[in-house]
PDB file of all heavy atoms in Angstrom:
ATOM      1  N   LEU A   1      83.364 138.758 117.056  1.00  0.00           N
ATOM      2  CA  LEU A   1      83.573 137.690 118.025  1.00  0.00           C
ATOM      3  C   LEU A   1      84.725 136.768 117.647  1.00  0.00           C
ATOM      4  O   LEU A   1      84.874 136.406 116.478  1.00  0.00           O
ATOM      5  CB  LEU A   1      82.313 136.837 118.158  1.00  0.00           C
ATOM      6  CG  LEU A   1      81.071 137.500 118.740  1.00  0.00           C
ATOM      7  CD1 LEU A   1      79.901 136.530 118.670  1.00  0.00           C
ATOM      8  CD2 LEU A   1      81.318 137.939 120.173  1.00  0.00           C
ATOM      9  N   THR A   2      85.493 136.369 118.657  1.00  0.00           N
ATOM     10  CA  THR A   2      86.372 135.224 118.487  1.00  0.00           C
ATOM     11  C   THR A   2      85.520 133.958 118.528  1.00  0.00           C
ATOM     12  O   THR A   2      84.702 133.784 119.433  1.00  0.00           O
ATOM     13  CB  THR A   2      87.440 135.179 119.581  1.00  0.00           C
ATOM     14  OG1 THR A   2      88.297 136.310 119.442  1.00  0.00           O
ATOM     15  CG2 THR A   2      88.280 133.917 119.476  1.00  0.00           C
ATOM     16  N   MET A   3      85.691 133.094 117.541  1.00  0.00           N
ATOM     17  CA  MET A   3      84.911 131.871 117.412  1.00  0.00           C
ATOM     18  C   MET A   3      85.830 130.657 117.525  1.00  0.00           C
ATOM     19  O   MET A   3      87.045 130.754 117.334  1.00  0.00           O
ATOM     20  CB  MET A   3      84.185 131.833 116.072  1.00  0.00           C
ATOM     21  CG  MET A   3      83.230 132.988 115.837  1.00  0.00           C
ATOM     22  SD  MET A   3      81.772 132.920 116.921  1.00  0.00           S
ATOM     23  CE  MET A   3      81.012 131.385 116.367  1.00  0.00           C
ATOM     24  N   GLY A   4      85.231 129.511 117.808  1.00  0.00           N
ATOM     25  CA  GLY A   4      86.022 128.307 117.919  1.00  0.00           C
ATOM     26  C   GLY A   4      85.255 127.053 117.575  1.00  0.00           C
ATOM     27  O   GLY A   4      84.022 127.038 117.558  1.00  0.00           O
ATOM     28  N   TRP A   5      86.015 126.001 117.279  1.00  0.00           N
ATOM     29  CA  TRP A   5      85.484 124.655 117.124  1.00  0.00           C
ATOM     30  C   TRP A   5      86.001 123.788 118.261  1.00  0.00           C
ATOM     31  O   TRP A   5      87.203 123.804 118.567  1.00  0.00           O
ATOM     32  CB  TRP A   5      85.898 124.032 115.788  1.00  0.00           C
ATOM     33  CG  TRP A   5      85.214 124.596 114.594  1.00  0.00           C
ATOM     34  CD1 TRP A   5      85.693 125.554 113.752  1.00  0.00           C
ATOM     35  CD2 TRP A   5      83.926 124.214 114.094  1.00  0.00           C
ATOM     36  NE1 TRP A   5      84.778 125.799 112.748  1.00  0.00           N
ATOM     37  CE2 TRP A   5      83.687 124.994 112.937  1.00  0.00           C
ATOM     38  CE3 TRP A   5      82.960 123.302 114.509  1.00  0.00           C
ATOM     39  CZ2 TRP A   5      82.513 124.877 112.192  1.00  0.00           C
ATOM     40  CZ3 TRP A   5      81.798 123.191 113.767  1.00  0.00           C
ATOM     41  CH2 TRP A   5      81.588 123.976 112.627  1.00  0.00           C
ATOM     42  N   TYR A   6      85.104 123.060 118.878  1.00  0.00           N
ATOM     43  CA  TYR A   6      85.428 122.059 119.879  1.00  0.00           C
ATOM     44  C   TYR A   6      84.987 120.695 119.369  1.00  0.00           C
ATOM     45  O   TYR A   6      84.198 120.595 118.425  1.00  0.00           O
ATOM     46  CB  TYR A   6      84.703 122.331 121.195  1.00  0.00           C
ATOM     47  CG  TYR A   6      85.203 123.521 121.989  1.00  0.00           C
ATOM     48  CD1 TYR A   6      84.957 124.826 121.572  1.00  0.00           C
ATOM     49  CD2 TYR A   6      85.892 123.330 123.184  1.00  0.00           C
ATOM     50  CE1 TYR A   6      85.394 125.907 122.312  1.00  0.00           C
ATOM     51  CE2 TYR A   6      86.329 124.408 123.936  1.00  0.00           C
ATOM     52  CZ  TYR A   6      86.076 125.698 123.496  1.00  0.00           C
ATOM     53  OH  TYR A   6      86.508 126.770 124.240  1.00  0.00           O
ATOM     54  N   ARG A   7      85.476 119.643 120.009  1.00  0.00           N
ATOM     55  CA  ARG A   7      84.987 118.309 119.706  1.00  0.00           C
ATOM     56  C   ARG A   7      84.972 117.455 120.961  1.00  0.00           C
ATOM     57  O   ARG A   7      85.719 117.703 121.911  1.00  0.00           O
ATOM     58  CB  ARG A   7      85.814 117.634 118.618  1.00  0.00           C
ATOM     59  CG  ARG A   7      87.237 117.276 119.030  1.00  0.00           C
ATOM     60  CD  ARG A   7      87.994 116.713 117.842  1.00  0.00           C
ATOM     61  NE  ARG A   7      89.353 116.338 118.191  1.00  0.00           N
ATOM     62  CZ  ARG A   7      90.261 115.930 117.321  1.00  0.00           C
ATOM     63  NH1 ARG A   7      89.956 115.837 116.019  1.00  0.00           N
ATOM     64  NH2 ARG A   7      91.482 115.600 117.723  1.00  0.00           N
ATOM     65  N   GLN A   8      84.111 116.463 120.958  1.00  0.00           N
ATOM     66  CA  GLN A   8      84.022 115.524 122.056  1.00  0.00           C
ATOM     67  C   GLN A   8      83.941 114.117 121.485  1.00  0.00           C
ATOM     68  O   GLN A   8      82.965 113.761 120.829  1.00  0.00           O
ATOM     69  CB  GLN A   8      82.817 115.814 122.943  1.00  0.00           C
ATOM     70  CG  GLN A   8      82.792 114.992 124.218  1.00  0.00           C
ATOM     71  CD  GLN A   8      81.837 115.557 125.253  1.00  0.00           C
ATOM     72  OE1 GLN A   8      80.917 116.298 124.918  1.00  0.00           O
ATOM     73  NE2 GLN A   8      82.059 115.210 126.505  1.00  0.00           N
ATOM     74  N   ALA A   9      84.980 113.336 121.731  1.00  0.00           N
ATOM     75  CA  ALA A   9      85.040 111.955 121.285  1.00  0.00           C
ATOM     76  C   ALA A   9      84.398 111.052 122.328  1.00  0.00           C
ATOM     77  O   ALA A   9      84.297 111.424 123.502  1.00  0.00           O
ATOM     78  CB  ALA A   9      86.487 111.543 121.048  1.00  0.00           C
ATOM     79  N   PRO A  10      83.976 109.850 121.935  1.00  0.00           N
ATOM     80  CA  PRO A  10      83.357 108.933 122.890  1.00  0.00           C
ATOM     81  C   PRO A  10      84.258 108.673 124.092  1.00  0.00           C
ATOM     82  O   PRO A  10      85.438 108.352 123.932  1.00  0.00           O
ATOM     83  CB  PRO A  10      83.153 107.658 122.075  1.00  0.00           C
ATOM     84  CG  PRO A  10      83.041 108.136 120.663  1.00  0.00           C
ATOM     85  CD  PRO A  10      83.987 109.293 120.569  1.00  0.00           C
ATOM     86  N   GLY A  11      83.708 108.834 125.294  1.00  0.00           N
ATOM     87  CA  GLY A  11      84.444 108.574 126.514  1.00  0.00           C
ATOM     88  C   GLY A  11      85.459 109.626 126.903  1.00  0.00           C
ATOM     89  O   GLY A  11      86.206 109.417 127.861  1.00  0.00           O
ATOM     90  N   LYS A  12      85.499 110.745 126.193  1.00  0.00           N
ATOM     91  CA  LYS A  12      86.478 111.782 126.479  1.00  0.00           C
ATOM     92  C   LYS A  12      85.811 113.124 126.736  1.00  0.00           C
ATOM     93  O   LYS A  12      84.644 113.328 126.412  1.00  0.00           O
ATOM     94  CB  LYS A  12      87.474 111.908 125.327  1.00  0.00           C
ATOM     95  CG  LYS A  12      88.328 110.673 125.116  1.00  0.00           C
ATOM     96  CD  LYS A  12      89.469 110.943 124.173  1.00  0.00           C
ATOM     97  CE  LYS A  12      90.394 109.744 124.082  1.00  0.00           C
ATOM     98  NZ  LYS A  12      91.550 110.007 123.196  1.00  0.00           N
ATOM     99  N   GLN A  13      86.574 114.044 127.335  1.00  0.00           N
ATOM    100  CA  GLN A  13      86.086 115.390 127.586  1.00  0.00           C
ATOM    101  C   GLN A  13      86.076 116.210 126.298  1.00  0.00           C
ATOM    102  O   GLN A  13      86.817 115.922 125.355  1.00  0.00           O
ATOM    103  CB  GLN A  13      86.951 116.093 128.627  1.00  0.00           C
ATOM    104  CG  GLN A  13      86.900 115.493 130.014  1.00  0.00           C
ATOM    105  CD  GLN A  13      87.613 116.361 131.023  1.00  0.00           C
ATOM    106  OE1 GLN A  13      87.126 117.447 131.373  1.00  0.00           O
ATOM    107  NE2 GLN A  13      88.762 115.906 131.483  1.00  0.00           N
ATOM    108  N   ARG A  14      85.243 117.223 126.293  1.00  0.00           N
ATOM    109  CA  ARG A  14      85.224 118.143 125.169  1.00  0.00           C
ATOM    110  C   ARG A  14      86.542 118.912 125.124  1.00  0.00           C
ATOM    111  O   ARG A  14      87.036 119.381 126.144  1.00  0.00           O
ATOM    112  CB  ARG A  14      84.045 119.102 125.307  1.00  0.00           C
ATOM    113  CG  ARG A  14      83.761 119.926 124.072  1.00  0.00           C
ATOM    114  CD  ARG A  14      82.453 120.700 124.212  1.00  0.00           C
ATOM    115  NE  ARG A  14      81.308 119.806 124.347  1.00  0.00           N
ATOM    116  CZ  ARG A  14      80.048 120.214 124.362  1.00  0.00           C
ATOM    117  NH1 ARG A  14      79.756 121.504 124.242  1.00  0.00           N
ATOM    118  NH2 ARG A  14      79.073 119.328 124.505  1.00  0.00           N
ATOM    119  N   GLU A  15      87.118 119.032 123.935  1.00  0.00           N
ATOM    120  CA  GLU A  15      88.392 119.707 123.774  1.00  0.00           C
ATOM    121  C   GLU A  15      88.318 120.780 122.694  1.00  0.00           C
ATOM    122  O   GLU A  15      87.573 120.656 121.724  1.00  0.00           O
ATOM    123  CB  GLU A  15      89.502 118.706 123.434  1.00  0.00           C
ATOM    124  CG  GLU A  15      89.323 118.015 122.098  1.00  0.00           C
ATOM    125  CD  GLU A  15      90.508 117.147 121.711  1.00  0.00           C
ATOM    126  OE1 GLU A  15      91.610 117.336 122.276  1.00  0.00           O
ATOM    127  OE2 GLU A  15      90.342 116.275 120.833  1.00  0.00           O
ATOM    128  N   LEU A  16      89.127 121.798 122.875  1.00  0.00           N
ATOM    129  CA  LEU A  16      89.219 122.874 121.897  1.00  0.00           C
ATOM    130  C   LEU A  16      90.062 122.420 120.718  1.00  0.00           C
ATOM    131  O   LEU A  16      91.189 121.948 120.891  1.00  0.00           O
ATOM    132  CB  LEU A  16      89.831 124.117 122.541  1.00  0.00           C
ATOM    133  CG  LEU A  16      89.988 125.348 121.658  1.00  0.00           C
ATOM    134  CD1 LEU A  16      88.634 125.852 121.184  1.00  0.00           C
ATOM    135  CD2 LEU A  16      90.740 126.433 122.411  1.00  0.00           C
ATOM    136  N   VAL A  17      89.530 122.577 119.521  1.00  0.00           N
ATOM    137  CA  VAL A  17      90.209 122.170 118.296  1.00  0.00           C
ATOM    138  C   VAL A  17      90.930 123.341 117.643  1.00  0.00           C
ATOM    139  O   VAL A  17      92.096 123.236 117.254  1.00  0.00           O
ATOM    140  CB  VAL A  17      89.216 121.540 117.302  1.00  0.00           C
ATOM    141  CG1 VAL A  17      89.896 121.218 115.973  1.00  0.00           C
ATOM    142  CG2 VAL A  17      88.590 120.289 117.901  1.00  0.00           C
ATOM    143  N   ALA A  18      90.233 124.469 117.500  1.00  0.00           N
ATOM    144  CA  ALA A  18      90.791 125.627 116.817  1.00  0.00           C
ATOM    145  C   ALA A  18      89.997 126.865 117.167  1.00  0.00           C
ATOM    146  O   ALA A  18      88.813 126.780 117.494  1.00  0.00           O
ATOM    147  CB  ALA A  18      90.786 125.421 115.297  1.00  0.00           C
ATOM    148  N   THR A  19      90.646 128.019 117.093  1.00  0.00           N
ATOM    149  CA  THR A  19      89.976 129.303 117.291  1.00  0.00           C
ATOM    150  C   THR A  19      90.343 130.246 116.161  1.00  0.00           C
ATOM    151  O   THR A  19      91.383 130.095 115.511  1.00  0.00           O
ATOM    152  CB  THR A  19      90.348 129.976 118.623  1.00  0.00           C
ATOM    153  OG1 THR A  19      91.756 130.222 118.662  1.00  0.00           O
ATOM    154  CG2 THR A  19      89.941 129.107 119.801  1.00  0.00           C
ATOM    155  N   ILE A  20      89.477 131.233 115.959  1.00  0.00           N
ATOM    156  CA  ILE A  20      89.736 132.271 114.976  1.00  0.00           C
ATOM    157  C   ILE A  20      89.186 133.585 115.503  1.00  0.00           C
ATOM    158  O   ILE A  20      88.043 133.661 115.949  1.00  0.00           O
ATOM    159  CB  ILE A  20      89.141 131.903 113.595  1.00  0.00           C
ATOM    160  CG1 ILE A  20      89.494 132.970 112.555  1.00  0.00           C
ATOM    161  CG2 ILE A  20      87.637 131.663 113.689  1.00  0.00           C
ATOM    162  CD1 ILE A  20      89.242 132.508 111.123  1.00  0.00           C
ATOM    163  N   THR A  21      90.011 134.633 115.475  1.00  0.00           N
ATOM    164  CA  THR A  21      89.602 135.940 115.964  1.00  0.00           C
ATOM    165  C   THR A  21      88.833 136.692 114.895  1.00  0.00           C
ATOM    166  O   THR A  21      88.714 136.256 113.753  1.00  0.00           O
ATOM    167  CB  THR A  21      90.811 136.774 116.390  1.00  0.00           C
ATOM    168  OG1 THR A  21      91.574 137.124 115.231  1.00  0.00           O
ATOM    169  CG2 THR A  21      91.686 136.014 117.379  1.00  0.00           C
ATOM    170  N   SER A  22      88.320 137.863 115.286  1.00  0.00           N
ATOM    171  CA  SER A  22      87.606 138.706 114.331  1.00  0.00           C
ATOM    172  C   SER A  22      88.499 139.140 113.178  1.00  0.00           C
ATOM    173  O   SER A  22      88.002 139.394 112.078  1.00  0.00           O
ATOM    174  CB  SER A  22      87.030 139.935 115.031  1.00  0.00           C
ATOM    175  OG  SER A  22      88.060 140.713 115.628  1.00  0.00           O
ATOM    176  N   GLY A  23      89.806 139.207 113.425  1.00  0.00           N
ATOM    177  CA  GLY A  23      90.765 139.549 112.392  1.00  0.00           C
ATOM    178  C   GLY A  23      91.370 138.350 111.691  1.00  0.00           C
ATOM    179  O   GLY A  23      92.352 138.498 110.963  1.00  0.00           O
ATOM    180  N   SER A  24      90.814 137.162 111.937  1.00  0.00           N
ATOM    181  CA  SER A  24      91.211 135.909 111.289  1.00  0.00           C
ATOM    182  C   SER A  24      92.572 135.391 111.724  1.00  0.00           C
ATOM    183  O   SER A  24      93.223 134.637 110.993  1.00  0.00           O
ATOM    184  CB  SER A  24      91.151 136.036 109.761  1.00  0.00           C
ATOM    185  OG  SER A  24      89.817 136.234 109.326  1.00  0.00           O
ATOM    186  N   SER A  25      93.007 135.761 112.925  1.00  0.00           N
ATOM    187  CA  SER A  25      94.159 135.109 113.529  1.00  0.00           C
ATOM    188  C   SER A  25      93.713 133.753 114.070  1.00  0.00           C
ATOM    189  O   SER A  25      92.675 133.656 114.718  1.00  0.00           O
ATOM    190  CB  SER A  25      94.724 135.966 114.653  1.00  0.00           C
ATOM    191  OG  SER A  25      95.817 135.335 115.279  1.00  0.00           O
ATOM    192  N   THR A  26      94.494 132.700 113.821  1.00  0.00           N
ATOM    193  CA  THR A  26      94.069 131.339 114.150  1.00  0.00           C
ATOM    194  C   THR A  26      95.024 130.639 115.096  1.00  0.00           C
ATOM    195  O   THR A  26      96.216 130.935 115.140  1.00  0.00           O
ATOM    196  CB  THR A  26      93.925 130.490 112.876  1.00  0.00           C
ATOM    197  OG1 THR A  26      95.192 130.429 112.205  1.00  0.00           O
ATOM    198  CG2 THR A  26      92.887 131.091 111.945  1.00  0.00           C
ATOM    199  N   ASN A  27      94.475 129.681 115.839  1.00  0.00           N
ATOM    200  CA  ASN A  27      95.254 128.783 116.682  1.00  0.00           C
ATOM    201  C   ASN A  27      94.651 127.395 116.590  1.00  0.00           C
ATOM    202  O   ASN A  27      93.442 127.243 116.436  1.00  0.00           O
ATOM    203  CB  ASN A  27      95.265 129.249 118.135  1.00  0.00           C
ATOM    204  CG  ASN A  27      96.183 130.415 118.370  1.00  0.00           C
ATOM    205  OD1 ASN A  27      97.396 130.260 118.396  1.00  0.00           O
ATOM    206  ND2 ASN A  27      95.615 131.605 118.533  1.00  0.00           N
ATOM    207  N   TYR A  28      95.511 126.368 116.698  1.00  0.00           N
ATOM    208  CA  TYR A  28      95.090 124.983 116.548  1.00  0.00           C
ATOM    209  C   TYR A  28      95.636 124.109 117.659  1.00  0.00           C
ATOM    210  O   TYR A  28      96.750 124.328 118.155  1.00  0.00           O
ATOM    211  CB  TYR A  28      95.575 124.413 115.215  1.00  0.00           C
ATOM    212  CG  TYR A  28      95.035 125.118 114.006  1.00  0.00           C
ATOM    213  CD1 TYR A  28      95.708 126.189 113.439  1.00  0.00           C
ATOM    214  CD2 TYR A  28      93.834 124.709 113.428  1.00  0.00           C
ATOM    215  CE1 TYR A  28      95.205 126.841 112.326  1.00  0.00           C
ATOM    216  CE2 TYR A  28      93.331 125.351 112.317  1.00  0.00           C
ATOM    217  CZ  TYR A  28      94.018 126.421 111.764  1.00  0.00           C
ATOM    218  OH  TYR A  28      93.517 127.061 110.664  1.00  0.00           O
ATOM    219  N   ALA A  29      94.860 123.105 118.025  1.00  0.00           N
ATOM    220  CA  ALA A  29      95.374 122.061 118.885  1.00  0.00           C
ATOM    221  C   ALA A  29      96.477 121.303 118.156  1.00  0.00           C
ATOM    222  O   ALA A  29      96.428 121.132 116.935  1.00  0.00           O
ATOM    223  CB  ALA A  29      94.257 121.101 119.282  1.00  0.00           C
ATOM    224  N   ASP A  30      97.479 120.847 118.906  1.00  0.00           N
ATOM    225  CA  ASP A  30      98.591 120.127 118.289  1.00  0.00           C
ATOM    226  C   ASP A  30      98.123 118.902 117.503  1.00  0.00           C
ATOM    227  O   ASP A  30      98.719 118.551 116.480  1.00  0.00           O
ATOM    228  CB  ASP A  30      99.597 119.696 119.352  1.00  0.00           C
ATOM    229  CG  ASP A  30     100.403 120.849 119.905  1.00  0.00           C
ATOM    230  OD1 ASP A  30     100.442 121.922 119.271  1.00  0.00           O
ATOM    231  OD2 ASP A  30     101.007 120.673 120.975  1.00  0.00           O
ATOM    232  N   SER A  31      97.067 118.270 117.963  1.00  0.00           N
ATOM    233  CA  SER A  31      96.597 117.046 117.342  1.00  0.00           C
ATOM    234  C   SER A  31      96.043 117.245 115.932  1.00  0.00           C
ATOM    235  O   SER A  31      95.958 116.289 115.168  1.00  0.00           O
ATOM    236  CB  SER A  31      95.531 116.384 118.217  1.00  0.00           C
ATOM    237  OG  SER A  31      94.433 117.255 118.427  1.00  0.00           O
ATOM    238  N   VAL A  32      95.665 118.479 115.592  1.00  0.00           N
ATOM    239  CA  VAL A  32      95.074 118.738 114.282  1.00  0.00           C
ATOM    240  C   VAL A  32      95.908 119.687 113.433  1.00  0.00           C
ATOM    241  O   VAL A  32      95.583 119.901 112.254  1.00  0.00           O
ATOM    242  CB  VAL A  32      93.638 119.281 114.399  1.00  0.00           C
ATOM    243  CG1 VAL A  32      92.789 118.370 115.268  1.00  0.00           C
ATOM    244  CG2 VAL A  32      93.630 120.709 114.938  1.00  0.00           C
TER     245      VAL A  32
END
């Protein structure tokens, strides 16, 4: 499975933080 971390700050929508594929390829939000 491709997995991911999301976060939701107070008063804001849930956003995608980072993902990682089964082969460990990664992507990140610019903010992190």
